């Protein structure tokens, strides 16, 4: 049996509630209502009703994706996972991510650069930053380009040594500080070079 739209009620600046003649309610966006030219009294064949339901679900998923990105930047994988976690259908989450990417709201290359700058600024090395990029679901082919934006970390390592290493001749202290730097993502080569410079400066001082 065909149904009709009983009423349209705006529930927020961007959302609308569509009440059908059988009492069912479909939540959608104002943009979709305008696109489909919906109005009270409009008759809906079964095929049109199914299109309305699926289009409304996708429109709301896109809307939710935009809202999530307004809180903080994310990778495509992070946003896709978050949408599914919040109850969106996997296919709608995927379509919403594709739509946001096509419009430049979601960009893993740009996001990778932000992650690199953030963690480099906190004094982490390339190894730890790679772990963060992987954890956030950014593809490996974007890692190296992003890491090229990373500033030299020699000063960061030396500042860390100056704050933690009181006696560069104390093997136990050196081992503890070296292990701490390894956990922060620096390589043995970087640590050894920094220790050599630190010892030389310490002895000269």
C-alpha atoms as a PDB file:
ATOM      1  CA  UNK A   1       0.000   0.000   0.000  1.00  0.00           C
ATOM      2  CA  UNK A   2       1.365   3.399  -0.949  1.00  0.00           C
ATOM      3  CA  UNK A   3       1.864   5.926   1.816  1.00  0.00           C
ATOM      4  CA  UNK A   4       2.091   9.671   1.977  1.00  0.00           C
ATOM      5  CA  UNK A   5       3.997  12.257   3.987  1.00  0.00           C
ATOM      6  CA  UNK A   6       1.817  13.502   6.837  1.00  0.00           C
ATOM      7  CA  UNK A   7       4.150  16.235   8.086  1.00  0.00           C
ATOM      8  CA  UNK A   8       7.694  17.584   8.012  1.00  0.00           C
ATOM      9  CA  UNK A   9       9.126  18.869  11.281  1.00  0.00           C
ATOM     10  CA  UNK A  10      12.507  20.555  11.645  1.00  0.00           C
ATOM     11  CA  UNK A  11      14.306  19.179  14.701  1.00  0.00           C
ATOM     12  CA  UNK A  12      17.624  21.049  14.447  1.00  0.00           C
ATOM     13  CA  UNK A  13      19.284  23.549  12.108  1.00  0.00           C
ATOM     14  CA  UNK A  14      20.214  20.720   9.735  1.00  0.00           C
ATOM     15  CA  UNK A  15      17.789  17.896  10.511  1.00  0.00           C
ATOM     16  CA  UNK A  16      14.174  17.090   9.887  1.00  0.00           C
ATOM     17  CA  UNK A  17      11.634  14.490  10.963  1.00  0.00           C
ATOM     18  CA  UNK A  18       9.324  13.076   8.301  1.00  0.00           C
ATOM     19  CA  UNK A  19       6.063  11.617   9.630  1.00  0.00           C
ATOM     20  CA  UNK A  20       4.306   9.162   7.336  1.00  0.00           C
ATOM     21  CA  UNK A  21       0.588   8.494   7.069  1.00  0.00           C
ATOM     22  CA  UNK A  22       0.998   5.101   8.796  1.00  0.00           C
ATOM     23  CA  UNK A  23       2.628   6.751  11.832  1.00  0.00           C
ATOM     24  CA  UNK A  24       6.212   5.825  10.961  1.00  0.00           C
ATOM     25  CA  UNK A  25       8.883   8.490  11.286  1.00  0.00           C
ATOM     26  CA  UNK A  26      11.989   8.929   9.146  1.00  0.00           C
ATOM     27  CA  UNK A  27      14.803  11.180  10.300  1.00  0.00           C
ATOM     28  CA  UNK A  28      16.666  12.982   7.530  1.00  0.00           C
ATOM     29  CA  UNK A  29      18.502  16.189   6.698  1.00  0.00           C
ATOM     30  CA  UNK A  30      17.001  19.405   5.428  1.00  0.00           C
ATOM     31  CA  UNK A  31      19.290  19.210   2.422  1.00  0.00           C
ATOM     32  CA  UNK A  32      17.883  15.805   1.477  1.00  0.00           C
ATOM     33  CA  UNK A  33      14.290  16.996   1.927  1.00  0.00           C
ATOM     34  CA  UNK A  34      15.034  19.865  -0.462  1.00  0.00           C
ATOM     35  CA  UNK A  35      16.827  17.586  -2.915  1.00  0.00           C
ATOM     36  CA  UNK A  36      13.916  15.119  -3.035  1.00  0.00           C
ATOM     37  CA  UNK A  37      11.337  17.932  -3.000  1.00  0.00           C
ATOM     38  CA  UNK A  38       9.455  16.492  -0.062  1.00  0.00           C
ATOM     39  CA  UNK A  39       6.277  18.134   1.231  1.00  0.00           C
ATOM     40  CA  UNK A  40       3.300  17.286   3.408  1.00  0.00           C
ATOM     41  CA  UNK A  41       0.770  15.322   1.415  1.00  0.00           C
ATOM     42  CA  UNK A  42       3.233  13.917  -1.084  1.00  0.00           C
ATOM     43  CA  UNK A  43       2.378  10.315  -2.013  1.00  0.00           C
ATOM     44  CA  UNK A  44       5.204   7.776  -1.917  1.00  0.00           C
ATOM     45  CA  UNK A  45       5.247   4.543  -3.860  1.00  0.00           C
ATOM     46  CA  UNK A  46       6.980   1.612  -2.212  1.00  0.00           C
ATOM     47  CA  UNK A  47      10.121   2.119  -4.322  1.00  0.00           C
ATOM     48  CA  UNK A  48      10.209   5.844  -3.451  1.00  0.00           C
ATOM     49  CA  UNK A  49       9.795   5.035   0.213  1.00  0.00           C
ATOM     50  CA  UNK A  50      12.741   2.631   0.185  1.00  0.00           C
ATOM     51  CA  UNK A  51      14.847   5.220  -1.632  1.00  0.00           C
ATOM     52  CA  UNK A  52      13.867   7.807   0.968  1.00  0.00           C
ATOM     53  CA  UNK A  53      14.811   5.517   3.872  1.00  0.00           C
ATOM     54  CA  UNK A  54      18.207   4.587   2.439  1.00  0.00           C
ATOM     55  CA  UNK A  55      18.995   8.135   1.309  1.00  0.00           C
ATOM     56  CA  UNK A  56      18.018   9.526   4.707  1.00  0.00           C
ATOM     57  CA  UNK A  57      20.280   7.050   6.526  1.00  0.00           C
ATOM     58  CA  UNK A  58      23.228   7.950   4.284  1.00  0.00           C
ATOM     59  CA  UNK A  59      22.585  11.691   4.592  1.00  0.00           C
ATOM     60  CA  UNK A  60      22.544  11.456   8.380  1.00  0.00           C
ATOM     61  CA  UNK A  61      25.745   9.388   8.303  1.00  0.00           C
ATOM     62  CA  UNK A  62      27.484  12.067   6.221  1.00  0.00           C
ATOM     63  CA  UNK A  63      26.177  14.691   8.617  1.00  0.00           C
ATOM     64  CA  UNK A  64      27.525  12.764  11.589  1.00  0.00           C
ATOM     65  CA  UNK A  65      30.886  12.399   9.862  1.00  0.00           C
ATOM     66  CA  UNK A  66      31.089  16.161   9.415  1.00  0.00           C
ATOM     67  CA  UNK A  67      30.236  16.674  13.077  1.00  0.00           C
ATOM     68  CA  UNK A  68      32.928  14.243  14.224  1.00  0.00           C
ATOM     69  CA  UNK A  69      35.543  15.977  12.084  1.00  0.00           C
ATOM     70  CA  UNK A  70      34.536  19.327  13.583  1.00  0.00           C
ATOM     71  CA  UNK A  71      35.670  18.033  16.989  1.00  0.00           C
ATOM     72  CA  UNK A  72      39.086  16.826  15.859  1.00  0.00           C
ATOM     73  CA  UNK A  73      40.915  15.742  12.690  1.00  0.00           C
ATOM     74  CA  UNK A  74      40.883  12.016  11.904  1.00  0.00           C
ATOM     75  CA  UNK A  75      42.173   9.577   9.346  1.00  0.00           C
ATOM     76  CA  UNK A  76      39.738   7.884   6.993  1.00  0.00           C
ATOM     77  CA  UNK A  77      40.021   4.653   8.994  1.00  0.00           C
ATOM     78  CA  UNK A  78      39.460   6.390  12.323  1.00  0.00           C
ATOM     79  CA  UNK A  79      36.333   8.116  11.031  1.00  0.00           C
ATOM     80  CA  UNK A  80      34.988   4.950   9.380  1.00  0.00           C
ATOM     81  CA  UNK A  81      35.484   2.977  12.603  1.00  0.00           C
ATOM     82  CA  UNK A  82      33.947   5.743  14.717  1.00  0.00           C
ATOM     83  CA  UNK A  83      30.843   5.919  12.526  1.00  0.00           C
ATOM     84  CA  UNK A  84      30.302   2.162  12.723  1.00  0.00           C
ATOM     85  CA  UNK A  85      30.901   2.292  16.485  1.00  0.00           C
ATOM     86  CA  UNK A  86      28.117   4.867  16.737  1.00  0.00           C
ATOM     87  CA  UNK A  87      25.701   2.551  14.956  1.00  0.00           C
ATOM     88  CA  UNK A  88      26.010   3.538  11.304  1.00  0.00           C
ATOM     89  CA  UNK A  89      25.842   0.775   8.699  1.00  0.00           C
ATOM     90  CA  UNK A  90      29.296  -0.168   7.394  1.00  0.00           C
ATOM     91  CA  UNK A  91      28.345   0.604   3.782  1.00  0.00           C
ATOM     92  CA  UNK A  92      27.048   4.052   4.773  1.00  0.00           C
ATOM     93  CA  UNK A  93      30.193   4.751   6.786  1.00  0.00           C
ATOM     94  CA  UNK A  94      32.306   3.826   3.766  1.00  0.00           C
ATOM     95  CA  UNK A  95      30.217   5.999   1.450  1.00  0.00           C
ATOM     96  CA  UNK A  96      30.341   8.919   3.889  1.00  0.00           C
ATOM     97  CA  UNK A  97      34.137   8.668   4.123  1.00  0.00           C
ATOM     98  CA  UNK A  98      34.418   8.630   0.318  1.00  0.00           C
ATOM     99  CA  UNK A  99      32.116  11.658   0.086  1.00  0.00           C
ATOM    100  CA  UNK A 100      34.091  13.617   2.700  1.00  0.00           C
ATOM    101  CA  UNK A 101      37.367  12.755   0.977  1.00  0.00           C
ATOM    102  CA  UNK A 102      36.052  13.866  -2.409  1.00  0.00           C
ATOM    103  CA  UNK A 103      35.207  17.265  -0.938  1.00  0.00           C
ATOM    104  CA  UNK A 104      38.505  17.712   0.870  1.00  0.00           C
ATOM    105  CA  UNK A 105      37.111  17.494   4.405  1.00  0.00           C
ATOM    106  CA  UNK A 106      39.034  14.272   5.002  1.00  0.00           C
ATOM    107  CA  UNK A 107      42.620  13.943   3.780  1.00  0.00           C
ATOM    108  CA  UNK A 108      44.995  11.270   5.097  1.00  0.00           C
ATOM    109  CA  UNK A 109      48.048  12.921   3.563  1.00  0.00           C
ATOM    110  CA  UNK A 110      47.320  16.204   5.313  1.00  0.00           C
ATOM    111  CA  UNK A 111      46.447  14.385   8.530  1.00  0.00           C
ATOM    112  CA  UNK A 112      49.699  12.382   8.459  1.00  0.00           C
ATOM    113  CA  UNK A 113      51.644  15.649   8.322  1.00  0.00           C
ATOM    114  CA  UNK A 114      49.716  16.930  11.346  1.00  0.00           C
ATOM    115  CA  UNK A 115      50.487  13.763  13.313  1.00  0.00           C
ATOM    116  CA  UNK A 116      54.197  14.012  12.480  1.00  0.00           C
ATOM    117  CA  UNK A 117      54.424  17.668  13.504  1.00  0.00           C
ATOM    118  CA  UNK A 118      52.471  17.079  16.706  1.00  0.00           C
ATOM    119  CA  UNK A 119      54.577  14.180  17.971  1.00  0.00           C
ATOM    120  CA  UNK A 120      57.866  15.640  16.756  1.00  0.00           C
ATOM    121  CA  UNK A 121      56.971  18.784  18.706  1.00  0.00           C
ATOM    122  CA  UNK A 122      56.506  16.650  21.821  1.00  0.00           C
ATOM    123  CA  UNK A 123      60.013  15.253  21.374  1.00  0.00           C
ATOM    124  CA  UNK A 124      59.267  11.831  19.898  1.00  0.00           C
ATOM    125  CA  UNK A 125      61.453  10.127  17.319  1.00  0.00           C
ATOM    126  CA  UNK A 126      60.589   8.707  13.921  1.00  0.00           C
ATOM    127  CA  UNK A 127      60.067   5.166  15.251  1.00  0.00           C
ATOM    128  CA  UNK A 128      57.375   6.232  17.711  1.00  0.00           C
ATOM    129  CA  UNK A 129      55.753   8.490  15.116  1.00  0.00           C
ATOM    130  CA  UNK A 130      55.549   5.595  12.651  1.00  0.00           C
ATOM    131  CA  UNK A 131      53.717   3.610  15.336  1.00  0.00           C
ATOM    132  CA  UNK A 132      51.233   6.464  15.729  1.00  0.00           C
ATOM    133  CA  UNK A 133      50.676   6.707  11.986  1.00  0.00           C
ATOM    134  CA  UNK A 134      50.022   2.958  11.849  1.00  0.00           C
ATOM    135  CA  UNK A 135      47.716   3.049  14.868  1.00  0.00           C
ATOM    136  CA  UNK A 136      45.647   5.759  13.208  1.00  0.00           C
ATOM    137  CA  UNK A 137      45.248   3.680  10.049  1.00  0.00           C
ATOM    138  CA  UNK A 138      47.292   5.858   7.710  1.00  0.00           C
ATOM    139  CA  UNK A 139      48.673   3.895   4.774  1.00  0.00           C
ATOM    140  CA  UNK A 140      52.413   3.227   4.678  1.00  0.00           C
ATOM    141  CA  UNK A 141      52.929   5.001   1.364  1.00  0.00           C
ATOM    142  CA  UNK A 142      52.050   8.273   3.107  1.00  0.00           C
ATOM    143  CA  UNK A 143      54.460   7.786   6.012  1.00  0.00           C
ATOM    144  CA  UNK A 144      57.753   8.751   4.435  1.00  0.00           C
ATOM    145  CA  UNK A 145      56.452  11.886   2.748  1.00  0.00           C
ATOM    146  CA  UNK A 146      54.988  12.994   6.063  1.00  0.00           C
ATOM    147  CA  UNK A 147      58.189  12.193   7.962  1.00  0.00           C
ATOM    148  CA  UNK A 148      60.129  14.437   5.596  1.00  0.00           C
ATOM    149  CA  UNK A 149      58.335  17.333   7.281  1.00  0.00           C
ATOM    150  CA  UNK A 150      59.867  16.283  10.594  1.00  0.00           C
ATOM    151  CA  UNK A 151      62.430  18.774  11.918  1.00  0.00           C
ATOM    152  CA  UNK A 152      65.872  17.635  13.068  1.00  0.00           C
ATOM    153  CA  UNK A 153      65.593  16.104  16.514  1.00  0.00           C
ATOM    154  CA  UNK A 154      69.216  16.441  17.667  1.00  0.00           C
ATOM    155  CA  UNK A 155      68.365  19.337  19.987  1.00  0.00           C
ATOM    156  CA  UNK A 156      65.444  17.370  21.443  1.00  0.00           C
ATOM    157  CA  UNK A 157      67.647  14.368  22.234  1.00  0.00           C
ATOM    158  CA  UNK A 158      70.367  16.530  23.744  1.00  0.00           C
ATOM    159  CA  UNK A 159      67.858  18.412  25.900  1.00  0.00           C
ATOM    160  CA  UNK A 160      66.526  15.066  27.100  1.00  0.00           C
ATOM    161  CA  UNK A 161      70.052  13.906  27.940  1.00  0.00           C
ATOM    162  CA  UNK A 162      70.829  17.149  29.767  1.00  0.00           C
ATOM    163  CA  UNK A 163      67.710  16.761  31.940  1.00  0.00           C
ATOM    164  CA  UNK A 164      68.153  13.054  32.720  1.00  0.00           C
ATOM    165  CA  UNK A 165      71.856  12.201  32.478  1.00  0.00           C
ATOM    166  CA  UNK A 166      73.823  13.727  35.335  1.00  0.00           C
ATOM    167  CA  UNK A 167      76.940  11.624  34.836  1.00  0.00           C
ATOM    168  CA  UNK A 168      77.680  10.319  31.328  1.00  0.00           C
ATOM    169  CA  UNK A 169      80.281   8.031  32.867  1.00  0.00           C
ATOM    170  CA  UNK A 170      77.655   6.193  34.912  1.00  0.00           C
ATOM    171  CA  UNK A 171      76.788   3.105  32.842  1.00  0.00           C
ATOM    172  CA  UNK A 172      73.498   2.502  34.698  1.00  0.00           C
ATOM    173  CA  UNK A 173      72.335   6.054  34.048  1.00  0.00           C
ATOM    174  CA  UNK A 174      73.353   5.822  30.390  1.00  0.00           C
ATOM    175  CA  UNK A 175      71.419   2.550  29.969  1.00  0.00           C
ATOM    176  CA  UNK A 176      68.271   3.996  31.568  1.00  0.00           C
ATOM    177  CA  UNK A 177      68.366   7.169  29.509  1.00  0.00           C
ATOM    178  CA  UNK A 178      69.107   5.231  26.317  1.00  0.00           C
ATOM    179  CA  UNK A 179      66.150   2.917  26.982  1.00  0.00           C
ATOM    180  CA  UNK A 180      63.909   5.938  27.572  1.00  0.00           C
ATOM    181  CA  UNK A 181      64.996   7.454  24.258  1.00  0.00           C
ATOM    182  CA  UNK A 182      64.371   4.153  22.480  1.00  0.00           C
ATOM    183  CA  UNK A 183      60.829   4.119  23.866  1.00  0.00           C
ATOM    184  CA  UNK A 184      60.358   7.627  22.497  1.00  0.00           C
ATOM    185  CA  UNK A 185      61.139   6.311  19.030  1.00  0.00           C
ATOM    186  CA  UNK A 186      64.780   7.246  18.469  1.00  0.00           C
ATOM    187  CA  UNK A 187      67.179   4.830  16.783  1.00  0.00           C
ATOM    188  CA  UNK A 188      70.350   3.426  18.361  1.00  0.00           C
ATOM    189  CA  UNK A 189      72.374   5.416  15.807  1.00  0.00           C
ATOM    190  CA  UNK A 190      70.732   8.690  16.866  1.00  0.00           C
ATOM    191  CA  UNK A 191      71.188   7.882  20.549  1.00  0.00           C
ATOM    192  CA  UNK A 192      74.835   6.860  20.214  1.00  0.00           C
ATOM    193  CA  UNK A 193      75.657  10.005  18.236  1.00  0.00           C
ATOM    194  CA  UNK A 194      73.888  12.217  20.794  1.00  0.00           C
ATOM    195  CA  UNK A 195      75.649  10.489  23.697  1.00  0.00           C
ATOM    196  CA  UNK A 196      79.023  11.052  22.030  1.00  0.00           C
ATOM    197  CA  UNK A 197      78.280  14.747  21.578  1.00  0.00           C
ATOM    198  CA  UNK A 198      76.955  15.033  25.110  1.00  0.00           C
ATOM    199  CA  UNK A 199      80.041  13.366  26.614  1.00  0.00           C
ATOM    200  CA  UNK A 200      82.330  15.643  24.595  1.00  0.00           C
ATOM    201  CA  UNK A 201      80.476  18.763  25.732  1.00  0.00           C
ATOM    202  CA  UNK A 202      80.360  17.515  29.328  1.00  0.00           C
ATOM    203  CA  UNK A 203      84.091  16.789  29.400  1.00  0.00           C
ATOM    204  CA  UNK A 204      84.896  20.178  27.877  1.00  0.00           C
ATOM    205  CA  UNK A 205      82.687  21.859  30.434  1.00  0.00           C
END
